Amino acid sequence: MGLFKKKKDETSLKDLSRLHGKALSYAVERNGVDELVLGKKGGISVTEDEIIVVCDGHEVFRCLAKGAIAAELMSHNGVDIKGIDSLTGEKRHVIAYYSNLRQ
């Protein structure tokens, strides 16, 4: 029936590629209960190896695609990304909100 399937350990590259080119209004990082605004006006780029979030013309988040979990918000106005930072190796949790522009 499929009611008790094993929880996904990572998001497939096919599902991640749907995020490529999405325009963002802003992105925040969650640290426990705190949220830190990373930047405004940007976009998401997905390669075979990495997920990259750019805001204000600067890279604010880069994680390895392998092992990353990305899920669209229930409101469909953003994406929740959890992954291992490519530079520091620490686990990060970023929420990127889509801009209202049609794509």
Protein backbone atom coordinates (compact mmCIF):
# COMPACT_ATOMS: atom_id res chain seq x y z
CA MET A 1 0.00 0.00 0.00
CA GLY A 2 2.83 2.40 0.67
CA LEU A 3 1.70 3.74 4.02
CA PHE A 4 4.88 2.83 5.86
CA LYS A 5 7.62 3.66 3.39
CA LYS A 6 11.14 4.40 4.56
CA LYS A 7 11.90 8.10 4.98
CA LYS A 8 13.99 9.62 2.17
CA ASP A 9 17.63 10.24 3.02
CA GLU A 10 18.17 12.62 0.10
CA THR A 11 16.35 14.34 -2.74
CA SER A 12 16.99 12.99 -6.23
CA LEU A 13 18.89 15.09 -8.75
CA LYS A 14 15.78 15.07 -10.97
CA ASP A 15 13.73 16.72 -8.21
CA LEU A 16 16.55 19.16 -7.38
CA SER A 17 16.82 20.23 -11.02
CA ARG A 18 13.28 21.65 -10.79
CA LEU A 19 14.68 24.35 -8.48
CA HIS A 20 17.26 25.51 -11.05
CA GLY A 21 16.60 29.05 -12.22
CA LYS A 22 13.98 29.92 -9.60
CA ALA A 23 14.02 33.63 -8.72
CA LEU A 24 14.08 34.42 -4.99
CA SER A 25 12.73 37.34 -3.00
CA TYR A 26 14.87 36.43 0.03
CA ALA A 27 16.61 33.59 1.87
CA VAL A 28 16.98 32.85 5.59
CA GLU A 29 19.08 30.38 7.57
CA ARG A 30 17.67 28.55 10.57
CA ASN A 31 19.85 27.93 13.63
CA GLY A 32 17.62 26.22 16.16
CA VAL A 33 14.87 28.76 16.86
CA ASP A 34 16.75 31.74 15.35
CA GLU A 35 16.49 32.91 11.74
CA LEU A 36 19.20 34.94 10.03
CA VAL A 37 18.35 36.75 6.79
CA LEU A 38 21.05 35.81 4.28
CA GLY A 39 19.98 38.23 1.56
CA LYS A 40 17.29 39.44 -0.80
CA LYS A 41 16.65 39.26 -4.56
CA GLY A 42 18.49 36.31 -5.96
CA GLY A 43 18.16 32.86 -7.44
CA ILE A 44 18.90 29.16 -7.14
CA SER A 45 21.32 27.23 -9.31
CA VAL A 46 21.58 23.43 -9.29
CA THR A 47 24.49 21.54 -10.85
CA GLU A 48 25.20 17.82 -10.78
CA ASP A 49 27.33 18.29 -7.66
CA GLU A 50 25.96 21.32 -5.77
CA ILE A 51 23.01 23.52 -4.89
CA ILE A 52 23.87 27.22 -4.89
CA VAL A 53 21.76 30.10 -3.54
CA VAL A 54 22.75 33.61 -4.61
CA CYS A 55 21.32 36.80 -3.05
CA ASP A 56 22.28 40.43 -3.67
CA GLY A 57 24.86 39.27 -6.22
CA HIS A 58 26.74 37.15 -3.65
CA GLU A 59 26.76 33.45 -2.96
CA VAL A 60 25.09 32.91 0.42
CA PHE A 61 24.73 29.12 0.45
CA ARG A 62 26.45 26.24 -1.32
CA CYS A 63 25.88 22.61 -0.40
CA LEU A 64 26.58 19.21 -1.87
CA ALA A 65 23.67 17.82 -3.91
CA LYS A 66 24.47 14.31 -2.69
CA GLY A 67 22.76 13.89 0.67
CA ALA A 68 20.81 17.17 0.43
CA ILE A 69 17.12 17.25 1.28
CA ALA A 70 14.99 19.86 -0.47
CA ALA A 71 11.23 20.13 0.05
CA GLU A 72 8.83 22.74 -1.25
CA LEU A 73 6.91 24.63 1.42
CA MET A 74 3.24 23.76 1.83
CA SER A 75 2.32 27.24 0.62
CA HIS A 76 4.35 26.61 -2.60
CA ASN A 77 6.10 29.97 -2.17
CA GLY A 78 9.53 28.62 -1.28
CA VAL A 79 11.83 25.69 -0.65
CA ASP A 80 13.41 24.24 2.51
CA ILE A 81 16.97 22.99 1.88
CA LYS A 82 19.09 20.98 4.33
CA GLY A 83 22.58 19.93 3.35
CA ILE A 84 26.30 19.79 4.05
CA ASP A 85 28.09 23.07 3.28
CA SER A 86 30.70 22.56 0.54
CA LEU A 87 33.22 24.92 2.14
CA THR A 88 32.94 24.32 5.89
CA GLY A 89 31.53 20.80 5.99
CA GLU A 90 28.88 21.74 8.56
CA LYS A 91 25.18 20.94 8.22
CA ARG A 92 23.05 23.97 7.26
CA HIS A 93 19.32 24.62 6.98
CA VAL A 94 18.19 27.33 4.55
CA ILE A 95 14.73 28.45 3.51
CA ALA A 96 14.52 30.31 0.20
CA TYR A 97 11.32 32.17 -0.67
CA TYR A 98 10.36 32.49 -4.35
CA SER A 99 9.69 35.91 -5.85
CA ASN A 100 6.16 36.63 -7.04
CA LEU A 101 7.25 36.93 -10.66
CA ARG A 102 5.87 34.27 -12.97
CA GLN A 103 8.48 32.03 -14.53
